[in-house]
Amino acid sequence: MKTLVEAVNEALLEALQRDPDVFVMGEDVGVLGGVFRATAGLRERFPDRCFDTPLAEAGIAGTAVGLALAGWRPVCEMQFDAFSYPALDQVICHLGRYRARSGGRAQMGVVMRMPYGGGVRGPDLHQDSPEAYYAHAAGVKVAIPSTPADAKGILSAAIRDPDPVVVLEPKRLYRSARGEVPVGEWVVPLGSARVVARGADLTLIAYGAMVPVALEARAQLRERDVDAEVVDLRSLVPLDEETVLESVGKTGRAVVIQEAPRTCGFAAEVAALLAERAIFDLRGPVVRVTGYDVPYPAFSMEDAYLPSPSRVVAAARRAIEVG
């Protein structure tokens, strides 16, 4: 059994062992081993390929762009979710565009991994959910694990990918999520969702730290004789549309859960997909359970902000009763 953060560390270690072009860079990833210890022990084993950078996220991303053009495969850590915002210029203007600019000749095998989301009583700019920004950046892939096995498999897939991949790791689950992790090479293909639990009456669609919330809501719904299916998206870009459509086509109802603010969040993209391609399967409205359109509240107020199982249950009842 491993924690999610231990699985991340294992994926990085195996990538460094497998491919001499891979290296790990970021703030405090070397001597300290990362704020969350995701890179612990890597610098001791690979002193030339695991190193600390200045506190300059735009510089980290820009350096990664240049190194990738030279044939390296940098894995960058943005220490916290909202710390990545200064790097958006590099991501949008260069990281996502070079492959298209070069007609496919220049690969951009950069991984940008970062802890994201709330639930750990962090201060301002330490608990954002910025996935929609990156999902909207053309040419960039986005993936979010919710289990230790997926944390290893998704990161391993991202490091092998010729396109830039942003991997958001739910810090809330770093040590609370435990599970079996395959030994040795383990790759979870990007663009593959996972049906976590089967059901017939309703589909709960979630990703990252919202998957355990969906599972708890499912347990509460079962006490009300509602049999909910839970789908973990795992990958936002590319999105496994077929798994989502198959599930909703079977159940006829959907609740989409995200902890990011509501407006223009990724849950809206999923709802639009269902409106466009599953409209004749739906027996009720697609309901979203999200964070609120306010800056993430620090410390004790986060309990009121984050989606809870009770909010998901209420949304599910609305989807069923209106239908």
C-alpha atoms as a PDB file:
ATOM      1  CA  MET A   1       0.000   0.000   0.000  1.00  0.00           C
ATOM      2  CA  LYS A   2       1.266   3.434  -0.909  1.00  0.00           C
ATOM      3  CA  THR A   3       0.039   6.970  -0.469  1.00  0.00           C
ATOM      4  CA  LEU A   4      -0.635   9.121  -3.501  1.00  0.00           C
ATOM      5  CA  VAL A   5       2.474  11.234  -2.933  1.00  0.00           C
ATOM      6  CA  GLU A   6       4.616   8.106  -2.597  1.00  0.00           C
ATOM      7  CA  ALA A   7       3.260   6.923  -5.945  1.00  0.00           C
ATOM      8  CA  VAL A   8       4.244  10.254  -7.531  1.00  0.00           C
ATOM      9  CA  ASN A   9       7.759   9.868  -6.135  1.00  0.00           C
ATOM     10  CA  GLU A  10       7.968   6.322  -7.499  1.00  0.00           C
ATOM     11  CA  ALA A  11       6.907   7.447 -10.983  1.00  0.00           C
ATOM     12  CA  LEU A  12       9.554  10.176 -11.010  1.00  0.00           C
ATOM     13  CA  LEU A  13      12.253   7.803  -9.777  1.00  0.00           C
ATOM     14  CA  GLU A  14      11.458   5.200 -12.419  1.00  0.00           C
ATOM     15  CA  ALA A  15      11.342   7.838 -15.181  1.00  0.00           C
ATOM     16  CA  LEU A  16      14.794   9.114 -14.186  1.00  0.00           C
ATOM     17  CA  GLN A  17      16.108   5.551 -14.193  1.00  0.00           C
ATOM     18  CA  ARG A  18      14.518   4.686 -17.528  1.00  0.00           C
ATOM     19  CA  ASP A  19      15.281   7.769 -19.623  1.00  0.00           C
ATOM     20  CA  PRO A  20      18.509   9.807 -19.344  1.00  0.00           C
ATOM     21  CA  ASP A  21      16.762  12.764 -21.010  1.00  0.00           C
ATOM     22  CA  VAL A  22      14.319  13.171 -18.117  1.00  0.00           C
ATOM     23  CA  PHE A  23      15.087  15.602 -15.344  1.00  0.00           C
ATOM     24  CA  VAL A  24      13.143  17.154 -12.470  1.00  0.00           C
ATOM     25  CA  MET A  25      13.246  20.877 -11.737  1.00  0.00           C
ATOM     26  CA  GLY A  26      11.395  23.329  -9.519  1.00  0.00           C
ATOM     27  CA  GLU A  27      11.376  25.248  -6.274  1.00  0.00           C
ATOM     28  CA  ASP A  28      12.759  23.139  -3.400  1.00  0.00           C
ATOM     29  CA  VAL A  29      12.527  19.849  -5.330  1.00  0.00           C
ATOM     30  CA  GLY A  30      16.186  19.055  -4.724  1.00  0.00           C
ATOM     31  CA  VAL A  31      17.667  19.508  -1.250  1.00  0.00           C
ATOM     32  CA  LEU A  32      14.308  19.701   0.519  1.00  0.00           C
ATOM     33  CA  GLY A  33      12.657  16.986  -1.556  1.00  0.00           C
ATOM     34  CA  GLY A  34       9.601  19.128  -2.258  1.00  0.00           C
ATOM     35  CA  VAL A  35       7.181  20.851   0.098  1.00  0.00           C
ATOM     36  CA  PHE A  36       5.048  17.699   0.112  1.00  0.00           C
ATOM     37  CA  ARG A  37       8.077  15.377  -0.201  1.00  0.00           C
ATOM     38  CA  ALA A  38       7.090  14.293  -3.705  1.00  0.00           C
ATOM     39  CA  THR A  39      10.709  14.463  -4.872  1.00  0.00           C
ATOM     40  CA  ALA A  40      12.346  13.132  -1.694  1.00  0.00           C
ATOM     41  CA  GLY A  41      15.575  11.229  -2.350  1.00  0.00           C
ATOM     42  CA  LEU A  42      15.781  12.027  -6.069  1.00  0.00           C
ATOM     43  CA  ARG A  43      18.582  14.574  -5.855  1.00  0.00           C
ATOM     44  CA  GLU A  44      20.777  12.159  -3.897  1.00  0.00           C
ATOM     45  CA  ARG A  45      20.448   9.558  -6.639  1.00  0.00           C
ATOM     46  CA  PHE A  46      20.425  11.935  -9.620  1.00  0.00           C
ATOM     47  CA  PRO A  47      22.338  15.068  -8.584  1.00  0.00           C
ATOM     48  CA  ASP A  48      22.637  16.266 -12.191  1.00  0.00           C
ATOM     49  CA  ARG A  49      18.999  15.681 -13.102  1.00  0.00           C
ATOM     50  CA  CYS A  50      17.067  16.852 -10.053  1.00  0.00           C
ATOM     51  CA  PHE A  51      17.760  20.436  -9.119  1.00  0.00           C
ATOM     52  CA  ASP A  52      16.316  23.501  -7.452  1.00  0.00           C
ATOM     53  CA  THR A  53      15.331  26.605  -9.374  1.00  0.00           C
ATOM     54  CA  PRO A  54      14.862  30.245  -8.372  1.00  0.00           C
ATOM     55  CA  LEU A  55      11.430  31.370  -7.177  1.00  0.00           C
ATOM     56  CA  ALA A  56      10.395  32.316 -10.700  1.00  0.00           C
ATOM     57  CA  GLU A  57       7.617  30.243 -12.236  1.00  0.00           C
ATOM     58  CA  ALA A  58       7.771  31.998 -15.608  1.00  0.00           C
ATOM     59  CA  GLY A  59      11.493  31.215 -15.656  1.00  0.00           C
ATOM     60  CA  ILE A  60      10.857  27.561 -14.807  1.00  0.00           C
ATOM     61  CA  ALA A  61       8.352  27.161 -17.640  1.00  0.00           C
ATOM     62  CA  GLY A  62      10.433  29.164 -20.109  1.00  0.00           C
ATOM     63  CA  THR A  63      13.532  27.126 -19.331  1.00  0.00           C
ATOM     64  CA  ALA A  64      11.517  23.952 -19.846  1.00  0.00           C
ATOM     65  CA  VAL A  65      10.397  25.166 -23.281  1.00  0.00           C
ATOM     66  CA  GLY A  66      13.984  25.744 -24.388  1.00  0.00           C
ATOM     67  CA  LEU A  67      15.206  22.446 -22.980  1.00  0.00           C
ATOM     68  CA  ALA A  68      12.377  20.522 -24.628  1.00  0.00           C
ATOM     69  CA  LEU A  69      13.265  22.099 -27.984  1.00  0.00           C
ATOM     70  CA  ALA A  70      16.800  20.810 -27.417  1.00  0.00           C
ATOM     71  CA  GLY A  71      15.510  17.264 -26.893  1.00  0.00           C
ATOM     72  CA  TRP A  72      15.276  17.016 -23.114  1.00  0.00           C
ATOM     73  CA  ARG A  73      12.150  15.922 -21.207  1.00  0.00           C
ATOM     74  CA  PRO A  74      11.799  18.289 -18.237  1.00  0.00           C
ATOM     75  CA  VAL A  75       9.361  17.570 -15.416  1.00  0.00           C
ATOM     76  CA  CYS A  76       8.640  20.899 -13.711  1.00  0.00           C
ATOM     77  CA  GLU A  77       7.033  21.298 -10.329  1.00  0.00           C
ATOM     78  CA  MET A  78       4.972  24.382  -9.586  1.00  0.00           C
ATOM     79  CA  GLN A  79       5.097  24.396  -5.812  1.00  0.00           C
ATOM     80  CA  PHE A  80       1.424  25.318  -5.393  1.00  0.00           C
ATOM     81  CA  ASP A  81      -1.490  25.641  -7.801  1.00  0.00           C
ATOM     82  CA  ALA A  82      -1.823  29.433  -7.848  1.00  0.00           C
ATOM     83  CA  PHE A  83       1.950  29.883  -7.996  1.00  0.00           C
ATOM     84  CA  SER A  84       1.679  28.692 -11.600  1.00  0.00           C
ATOM     85  CA  TYR A  85      -0.143  31.808 -12.815  1.00  0.00           C
ATOM     86  CA  PRO A  86       3.034  33.777 -13.666  1.00  0.00           C
ATOM     87  CA  ALA A  87       3.909  30.889 -16.017  1.00  0.00           C
ATOM     88  CA  LEU A  88       0.672  31.135 -18.022  1.00  0.00           C
ATOM     89  CA  ASP A  89       2.361  33.369 -20.600  1.00  0.00           C
ATOM     90  CA  GLN A  90       4.901  30.633 -21.370  1.00  0.00           C
ATOM     91  CA  VAL A  91       2.225  27.920 -21.338  1.00  0.00           C
ATOM     92  CA  ILE A  92      -0.225  29.686 -23.637  1.00  0.00           C
ATOM     93  CA  CYS A  93       2.201  31.462 -25.972  1.00  0.00           C
ATOM     94  CA  HIS A  94       4.922  28.831 -26.305  1.00  0.00           C
ATOM     95  CA  LEU A  95       4.414  25.514 -24.548  1.00  0.00           C
ATOM     96  CA  GLY A  96       1.131  24.729 -26.281  1.00  0.00           C
ATOM     97  CA  ARG A  97       2.033  26.181 -29.678  1.00  0.00           C
ATOM     98  CA  TYR A  98       5.514  25.065 -30.695  1.00  0.00           C
ATOM     99  CA  ARG A  99       4.443  21.705 -32.091  1.00  0.00           C
ATOM    100  CA  ALA A 100       1.843  23.394 -34.315  1.00  0.00           C
ATOM    101  CA  ARG A 101       4.244  26.180 -35.264  1.00  0.00           C
ATOM    102  CA  SER A 102       6.799  23.653 -36.441  1.00  0.00           C
ATOM    103  CA  GLY A 103       4.315  21.522 -38.350  1.00  0.00           C
ATOM    104  CA  GLY A 104       4.855  18.716 -35.864  1.00  0.00           C
ATOM    105  CA  ARG A 105       8.639  18.671 -36.193  1.00  0.00           C
ATOM    106  CA  ALA A 106       9.343  20.077 -32.719  1.00  0.00           C
ATOM    107  CA  GLN A 107       8.004  17.964 -29.897  1.00  0.00           C
ATOM    108  CA  MET A 108       7.309  19.657 -26.595  1.00  0.00           C
ATOM    109  CA  GLY A 109       7.604  16.843 -24.067  1.00  0.00           C
ATOM    110  CA  VAL A 110       7.228  18.958 -20.934  1.00  0.00           C
ATOM    111  CA  VAL A 111       5.362  17.881 -17.815  1.00  0.00           C
ATOM    112  CA  MET A 112       4.179  20.571 -15.438  1.00  0.00           C
ATOM    113  CA  ARG A 113       2.991  18.959 -12.215  1.00  0.00           C
ATOM    114  CA  MET A 114       1.525  20.831  -9.283  1.00  0.00           C
ATOM    115  CA  PRO A 115      -0.401  20.239  -6.041  1.00  0.00           C
ATOM    116  CA  TYR A 116      -3.880  21.690  -6.424  1.00  0.00           C
ATOM    117  CA  GLY A 117      -7.144  22.177  -4.596  1.00  0.00           C
ATOM    118  CA  GLY A 118      -8.270  22.724  -1.045  1.00  0.00           C
ATOM    119  CA  GLY A 119      -8.933  20.763   2.072  1.00  0.00           C
ATOM    120  CA  VAL A 120      -5.635  21.316   3.891  1.00  0.00           C
ATOM    121  CA  ARG A 121      -6.325  24.647   5.604  1.00  0.00           C
ATOM    122  CA  GLY A 122      -3.842  26.539   3.444  1.00  0.00           C
ATOM    123  CA  PRO A 123      -3.521  30.324   3.062  1.00  0.00           C
ATOM    124  CA  ASP A 124      -4.497  32.431   0.057  1.00  0.00           C
ATOM    125  CA  LEU A 125      -2.958  31.378  -3.301  1.00  0.00           C
ATOM    126  CA  HIS A 126      -2.238  27.881  -1.973  1.00  0.00           C
ATOM    127  CA  GLN A 127      -5.564  26.106  -2.650  1.00  0.00           C
ATOM    128  CA  ASP A 128      -6.815  27.062  -6.103  1.00  0.00           C
ATOM    129  CA  SER A 129      -8.182  24.715  -8.768  1.00  0.00           C
ATOM    130  CA  PRO A 130      -6.772  26.110 -12.023  1.00  0.00           C
ATOM    131  CA  GLU A 131      -7.561  23.171 -14.317  1.00  0.00           C
ATOM    132  CA  ALA A 132      -9.896  25.166 -16.589  1.00  0.00           C
ATOM    133  CA  TYR A 133      -7.122  27.637 -17.474  1.00  0.00           C
ATOM    134  CA  TYR A 134      -4.906  24.834 -18.700  1.00  0.00           C
ATOM    135  CA  ALA A 135      -7.685  22.870 -20.371  1.00  0.00           C
ATOM    136  CA  HIS A 136      -8.415  26.005 -22.426  1.00  0.00           C
ATOM    137  CA  ALA A 137      -4.768  26.373 -23.541  1.00  0.00           C
ATOM    138  CA  ALA A 138      -4.687  24.830 -27.017  1.00  0.00           C
ATOM    139  CA  GLY A 139      -2.019  22.158 -27.411  1.00  0.00           C
ATOM    140  CA  VAL A 140      -1.782  21.354 -23.702  1.00  0.00           C
ATOM    141  CA  LYS A 141      -3.072  18.138 -22.126  1.00  0.00           C
ATOM    142  CA  VAL A 142      -4.457  18.051 -18.588  1.00  0.00           C
ATOM    143  CA  ALA A 143      -4.745  15.069 -16.248  1.00  0.00           C
ATOM    144  CA  ILE A 144      -5.761  14.673 -12.593  1.00  0.00           C
ATOM    145  CA  PRO A 145      -5.371  11.434 -10.601  1.00  0.00           C
ATOM    146  CA  SER A 146      -7.454  10.452  -7.597  1.00  0.00           C
ATOM    147  CA  THR A 147      -5.726   7.226  -6.509  1.00  0.00           C
ATOM    148  CA  PRO A 148      -2.091   6.224  -5.918  1.00  0.00           C
ATOM    149  CA  ALA A 149      -2.151   3.770  -8.849  1.00  0.00           C
ATOM    150  CA  ASP A 150      -3.471   6.454 -11.186  1.00  0.00           C
ATOM    151  CA  ALA A 151      -0.987   9.006  -9.816  1.00  0.00           C
ATOM    152  CA  LYS A 152       1.868   6.762 -10.895  1.00  0.00           C
ATOM    153  CA  GLY A 153       0.286   5.670 -14.159  1.00  0.00           C
ATOM    154  CA  ILE A 154      -0.841   9.098 -15.307  1.00  0.00           C
ATOM    155  CA  LEU A 155       2.476  10.761 -14.482  1.00  0.00           C
ATOM    156  CA  SER A 156       4.338   7.977 -16.291  1.00  0.00           C
ATOM    157  CA  ALA A 157       2.143   8.481 -19.354  1.00  0.00           C
ATOM    158  CA  ALA A 158       2.632  12.246 -19.227  1.00  0.00           C
ATOM    159  CA  ILE A 159       6.421  11.953 -19.132  1.00  0.00           C
ATOM    160  CA  ARG A 160       6.346   9.747 -22.250  1.00  0.00           C
ATOM    161  CA  ASP A 161       3.966  12.033 -24.163  1.00  0.00           C
ATOM    162  CA  PRO A 162       5.260  14.195 -27.037  1.00  0.00           C
ATOM    163  CA  ASP A 163       2.911  17.021 -26.036  1.00  0.00           C
ATOM    164  CA  PRO A 164       3.027  19.181 -22.905  1.00  0.00           C
ATOM    165  CA  VAL A 165       0.968  17.778 -20.043  1.00  0.00           C
ATOM    166  CA  VAL A 166      -0.202  19.549 -16.908  1.00  0.00           C
ATOM    167  CA  VAL A 167      -0.683  17.026 -14.097  1.00  0.00           C
ATOM    168  CA  LEU A 168      -2.632  18.386 -11.144  1.00  0.00           C
ATOM    169  CA  GLU A 169      -2.209  16.365  -7.968  1.00  0.00           C
ATOM    170  CA  PRO A 170      -4.909  16.791  -5.285  1.00  0.00           C
ATOM    171  CA  LYS A 171      -2.947  17.759  -2.195  1.00  0.00           C
ATOM    172  CA  ARG A 172      -5.956  16.813  -0.075  1.00  0.00           C
ATOM    173  CA  LEU A 173      -5.338  13.195  -1.133  1.00  0.00           C
ATOM    174  CA  TYR A 174      -1.526  13.167  -0.978  1.00  0.00           C
ATOM    175  CA  ARG A 175      -1.525  11.162   2.253  1.00  0.00           C
ATOM    176  CA  SER A 176      -5.184  10.341   2.834  1.00  0.00           C
ATOM    177  CA  ALA A 177      -5.502   8.244  -0.350  1.00  0.00           C
ATOM    178  CA  ARG A 178      -3.852   4.837  -0.002  1.00  0.00           C
ATOM    179  CA  GLY A 179      -3.907   1.885  -2.348  1.00  0.00           C
ATOM    180  CA  GLU A 180      -2.029  -0.770  -4.203  1.00  0.00           C
ATOM    181  CA  VAL A 181       0.392   0.532  -6.822  1.00  0.00           C
ATOM    182  CA  PRO A 182       1.724  -1.775  -9.544  1.00  0.00           C
ATOM    183  CA  VAL A 183       5.426  -2.512  -9.222  1.00  0.00           C
ATOM    184  CA  GLY A 184       7.616  -1.547 -12.157  1.00  0.00           C
ATOM    185  CA  GLU A 185       6.418   0.056 -15.367  1.00  0.00           C
ATOM    186  CA  TRP A 186       2.816   1.221 -15.084  1.00  0.00           C
ATOM    187  CA  VAL A 187       1.147   3.578 -17.548  1.00  0.00           C
ATOM    188  CA  VAL A 188      -2.450   4.828 -17.521  1.00  0.00           C
ATOM    189  CA  PRO A 189      -3.219   6.200 -21.007  1.00  0.00           C
ATOM    190  CA  LEU A 190      -4.238   9.831 -21.118  1.00  0.00           C
ATOM    191  CA  GLY A 191      -7.814  10.222 -22.275  1.00  0.00           C
ATOM    192  CA  SER A 192      -9.167   7.218 -20.379  1.00  0.00           C
ATOM    193  CA  ALA A 193     -11.827   7.706 -17.731  1.00  0.00           C
ATOM    194  CA  ARG A 194     -12.520   5.107 -15.030  1.00  0.00           C
ATOM    195  CA  VAL A 195     -15.868   3.798 -13.857  1.00  0.00           C
ATOM    196  CA  VAL A 196     -15.263   3.629 -10.123  1.00  0.00           C
ATOM    197  CA  ALA A 197     -18.625   2.169  -9.121  1.00  0.00           C
ATOM    198  CA  ARG A 198     -21.487   0.823 -11.236  1.00  0.00           C
ATOM    199  CA  GLY A 199     -25.047   2.063 -10.904  1.00  0.00           C
ATOM    200  CA  ALA A 200     -28.299   2.320 -12.827  1.00  0.00           C
ATOM    201  CA  ASP A 201     -30.173   5.435 -11.681  1.00  0.00           C
ATOM    202  CA  LEU A 202     -27.725   8.339 -11.910  1.00  0.00           C
ATOM    203  CA  THR A 203     -24.158   9.162 -12.960  1.00  0.00           C
ATOM    204  CA  LEU A 204     -21.865  11.159 -10.661  1.00  0.00           C
ATOM    205  CA  ILE A 205     -18.974  12.588 -12.694  1.00  0.00           C
ATOM    206  CA  ALA A 206     -15.935  13.819 -10.796  1.00  0.00           C
ATOM    207  CA  TYR A 207     -12.144  14.040 -10.811  1.00  0.00           C
ATOM    208  CA  GLY A 208      -9.322  14.494  -8.327  1.00  0.00           C
ATOM    209  CA  ALA A 209     -10.336  15.092  -4.717  1.00  0.00           C
ATOM    210  CA  MET A 210     -14.009  15.138  -5.686  1.00  0.00           C
ATOM    211  CA  VAL A 211     -14.005  11.399  -6.450  1.00  0.00           C
ATOM    212  CA  PRO A 212     -14.070  10.425  -2.737  1.00  0.00           C
ATOM    213  CA  VAL A 213     -16.825  13.014  -2.251  1.00  0.00           C
ATOM    214  CA  ALA A 214     -18.821  11.365  -5.053  1.00  0.00           C
ATOM    215  CA  LEU A 215     -18.310   7.936  -3.503  1.00  0.00           C
ATOM    216  CA  GLU A 216     -19.539   9.119  -0.108  1.00  0.00           C
ATOM    217  CA  ALA A 217     -22.565  10.711  -1.784  1.00  0.00           C
ATOM    218  CA  ARG A 218     -23.197   7.426  -3.579  1.00  0.00           C
ATOM    219  CA  ALA A 219     -23.249   5.617  -0.225  1.00  0.00           C
ATOM    220  CA  GLN A 220     -25.771   8.115   1.148  1.00  0.00           C
ATOM    221  CA  LEU A 221     -27.919   7.821  -1.971  1.00  0.00           C
ATOM    222  CA  ARG A 222     -28.038   4.045  -1.605  1.00  0.00           C
ATOM    223  CA  GLU A 223     -29.757   4.582   1.744  1.00  0.00           C
ATOM    224  CA  ARG A 224     -32.440   6.398  -0.278  1.00  0.00           C
ATOM    225  CA  ASP A 225     -32.693   3.532  -2.785  1.00  0.00           C
ATOM    226  CA  VAL A 226     -30.841   5.473  -5.487  1.00  0.00           C
ATOM    227  CA  ASP A 227     -28.206   3.454  -7.317  1.00  0.00           C
ATOM    228  CA  ALA A 228     -25.537   5.912  -8.531  1.00  0.00           C
ATOM    229  CA  GLU A 229     -22.669   5.236 -10.900  1.00  0.00           C
ATOM    230  CA  VAL A 230     -19.393   7.115 -10.304  1.00  0.00           C
ATOM    231  CA  VAL A 231     -17.105   8.083 -13.192  1.00  0.00           C
ATOM    232  CA  ASP A 232     -13.610   9.442 -12.518  1.00  0.00           C
ATOM    233  CA  LEU A 233     -12.582  11.491 -15.562  1.00  0.00           C
ATOM    234  CA  ARG A 234      -8.834  11.215 -14.757  1.00  0.00           C
ATOM    235  CA  SER A 235      -8.011  13.110 -17.965  1.00  0.00           C
ATOM    236  CA  LEU A 236      -9.663  16.409 -18.899  1.00  0.00           C
ATOM    237  CA  VAL A 237      -7.738  16.931 -22.143  1.00  0.00           C
ATOM    238  CA  PRO A 238      -8.124  14.634 -23.956  1.00  0.00           C
ATOM    239  CA  LEU A 239     -11.509  13.779 -22.459  1.00  0.00           C
ATOM    240  CA  ASP A 240     -12.853  10.244 -22.619  1.00  0.00           C
ATOM    241  CA  GLU A 241     -16.211  11.284 -24.019  1.00  0.00           C
ATOM    242  CA  GLU A 242     -17.353   7.765 -24.823  1.00  0.00           C
ATOM    243  CA  THR A 243     -17.151   6.516 -21.225  1.00  0.00           C
ATOM    244  CA  VAL A 244     -19.115   9.534 -20.007  1.00  0.00           C
ATOM    245  CA  LEU A 245     -21.741   9.182 -22.747  1.00  0.00           C
ATOM    246  CA  GLU A 246     -22.079   5.448 -22.204  1.00  0.00           C
ATOM    247  CA  SER A 247     -22.685   5.918 -18.495  1.00  0.00           C
ATOM    248  CA  VAL A 248     -25.211   8.727 -18.880  1.00  0.00           C
ATOM    249  CA  GLY A 249     -26.865   6.900 -21.750  1.00  0.00           C
ATOM    250  CA  LYS A 250     -27.513   4.055 -19.320  1.00  0.00           C
ATOM    251  CA  THR A 251     -28.619   6.068 -16.271  1.00  0.00           C
ATOM    252  CA  GLY A 252     -30.293   9.041 -17.977  1.00  0.00           C
ATOM    253  CA  ARG A 253     -29.201  11.488 -15.287  1.00  0.00           C
ATOM    254  CA  ALA A 254     -25.950  13.247 -14.427  1.00  0.00           C
ATOM    255  CA  VAL A 255     -24.377  15.325 -11.667  1.00  0.00           C
ATOM    256  CA  VAL A 256     -20.962  16.841 -12.380  1.00  0.00           C
ATOM    257  CA  ILE A 257     -18.734  17.765  -9.439  1.00  0.00           C
ATOM    258  CA  GLN A 258     -15.748  20.132  -9.298  1.00  0.00           C
ATOM    259  CA  GLU A 259     -14.199  22.175  -6.504  1.00  0.00           C
ATOM    260  CA  ALA A 260     -13.207  25.040  -8.822  1.00  0.00           C
ATOM    261  CA  PRO A 261     -15.444  28.128  -9.084  1.00  0.00           C
ATOM    262  CA  ARG A 262     -18.656  27.529 -11.013  1.00  0.00           C
ATOM    263  CA  THR A 263     -18.458  29.917 -13.971  1.00  0.00           C
ATOM    264  CA  CYS A 264     -16.603  28.449 -16.958  1.00  0.00           C
ATOM    265  CA  GLY A 265     -15.366  25.501 -14.887  1.00  0.00           C
ATOM    266  CA  PHE A 266     -14.691  22.127 -16.484  1.00  0.00           C
ATOM    267  CA  ALA A 267     -18.021  20.818 -15.224  1.00  0.00           C
ATOM    268  CA  ALA A 268     -19.656  23.185 -17.718  1.00  0.00           C
ATOM    269  CA  GLU A 269     -17.706  21.504 -20.515  1.00  0.00           C
ATOM    270  CA  VAL A 270     -19.008  18.115 -19.431  1.00  0.00           C
ATOM    271  CA  ALA A 271     -22.550  19.488 -19.222  1.00  0.00           C
ATOM    272  CA  ALA A 272     -22.199  20.900 -22.751  1.00  0.00           C
ATOM    273  CA  LEU A 273     -21.000  17.521 -24.014  1.00  0.00           C
ATOM    274  CA  LEU A 274     -24.090  15.862 -22.563  1.00  0.00           C
ATOM    275  CA  ALA A 275     -26.382  18.549 -24.013  1.00  0.00           C
ATOM    276  CA  GLU A 276     -24.880  18.076 -27.472  1.00  0.00           C
ATOM    277  CA  ARG A 277     -24.538  14.310 -27.609  1.00  0.00           C
ATOM    278  CA  ALA A 278     -26.818  12.802 -24.984  1.00  0.00           C
ATOM    279  CA  ILE A 279     -29.876  15.044 -25.072  1.00  0.00           C
ATOM    280  CA  PHE A 280     -32.229  12.202 -26.043  1.00  0.00           C
ATOM    281  CA  ASP A 281     -30.860   9.974 -23.266  1.00  0.00           C
ATOM    282  CA  LEU A 282     -31.345  12.508 -20.491  1.00  0.00           C
ATOM    283  CA  ARG A 283     -34.379  12.131 -18.230  1.00  0.00           C
ATOM    284  CA  GLY A 284     -33.555  15.147 -16.063  1.00  0.00           C
ATOM    285  CA  PRO A 285     -31.335  18.227 -16.004  1.00  0.00           C
ATOM    286  CA  VAL A 286     -27.549  17.971 -15.840  1.00  0.00           C
ATOM    287  CA  VAL A 287     -26.749  19.438 -12.423  1.00  0.00           C
ATOM    288  CA  ARG A 288     -23.402  20.898 -11.353  1.00  0.00           C
ATOM    289  CA  VAL A 289     -21.986  20.894  -7.812  1.00  0.00           C
ATOM    290  CA  THR A 290     -19.070  23.310  -7.634  1.00  0.00           C
ATOM    291  CA  GLY A 291     -17.122  25.807  -5.639  1.00  0.00           C
ATOM    292  CA  TYR A 292     -18.403  29.370  -5.593  1.00  0.00           C
ATOM    293  CA  ASP A 293     -17.441  32.337  -7.759  1.00  0.00           C
ATOM    294  CA  VAL A 294     -15.217  33.863  -5.100  1.00  0.00           C
ATOM    295  CA  PRO A 295     -11.497  33.629  -4.354  1.00  0.00           C
ATOM    296  CA  TYR A 296     -10.814  30.439  -2.430  1.00  0.00           C
ATOM    297  CA  PRO A 297     -11.447  31.214   1.251  1.00  0.00           C
ATOM    298  CA  ALA A 298      -8.522  30.448   3.504  1.00  0.00           C
ATOM    299  CA  PHE A 299      -8.478  28.284   6.605  1.00  0.00           C
ATOM    300  CA  SER A 300     -11.786  27.543   8.381  1.00  0.00           C
ATOM    301  CA  MET A 301     -14.110  28.981   5.704  1.00  0.00           C
ATOM    302  CA  GLU A 302     -13.128  26.305   3.195  1.00  0.00           C
ATOM    303  CA  ASP A 303     -15.646  23.842   4.646  1.00  0.00           C
ATOM    304  CA  ALA A 304     -18.435  26.094   3.432  1.00  0.00           C
ATOM    305  CA  TYR A 305     -16.812  26.461   0.011  1.00  0.00           C
ATOM    306  CA  LEU A 306     -15.925  22.897  -0.927  1.00  0.00           C
ATOM    307  CA  PRO A 307     -18.539  20.562  -2.432  1.00  0.00           C
ATOM    308  CA  SER A 308     -19.696  18.089   0.184  1.00  0.00           C
ATOM    309  CA  PRO A 309     -21.474  14.731  -0.053  1.00  0.00           C
ATOM    310  CA  SER A 310     -24.653  16.386   1.225  1.00  0.00           C
ATOM    311  CA  ARG A 311     -24.549  18.964  -1.589  1.00  0.00           C
ATOM    312  CA  VAL A 312     -24.050  16.166  -4.123  1.00  0.00           C
ATOM    313  CA  VAL A 313     -26.965  14.212  -2.672  1.00  0.00           C
ATOM    314  CA  ALA A 314     -29.197  17.301  -2.912  1.00  0.00           C
ATOM    315  CA  ALA A 315     -28.150  17.786  -6.534  1.00  0.00           C
ATOM    316  CA  ALA A 316     -28.864  14.141  -7.310  1.00  0.00           C
ATOM    317  CA  ARG A 317     -32.332  14.405  -5.806  1.00  0.00           C
ATOM    318  CA  ARG A 318     -32.993  17.464  -7.953  1.00  0.00           C
ATOM    319  CA  ALA A 319     -31.866  15.623 -11.096  1.00  0.00           C
ATOM    320  CA  ILE A 320     -34.206  12.742 -10.262  1.00  0.00           C
ATOM    321  CA  GLU A 321     -37.220  14.717  -9.051  1.00  0.00           C
ATOM    322  CA  VAL A 322     -37.220  17.247 -11.910  1.00  0.00           C
ATOM    323  CA  GLY A 323     -36.844  14.385 -14.379  1.00  0.00           C
END
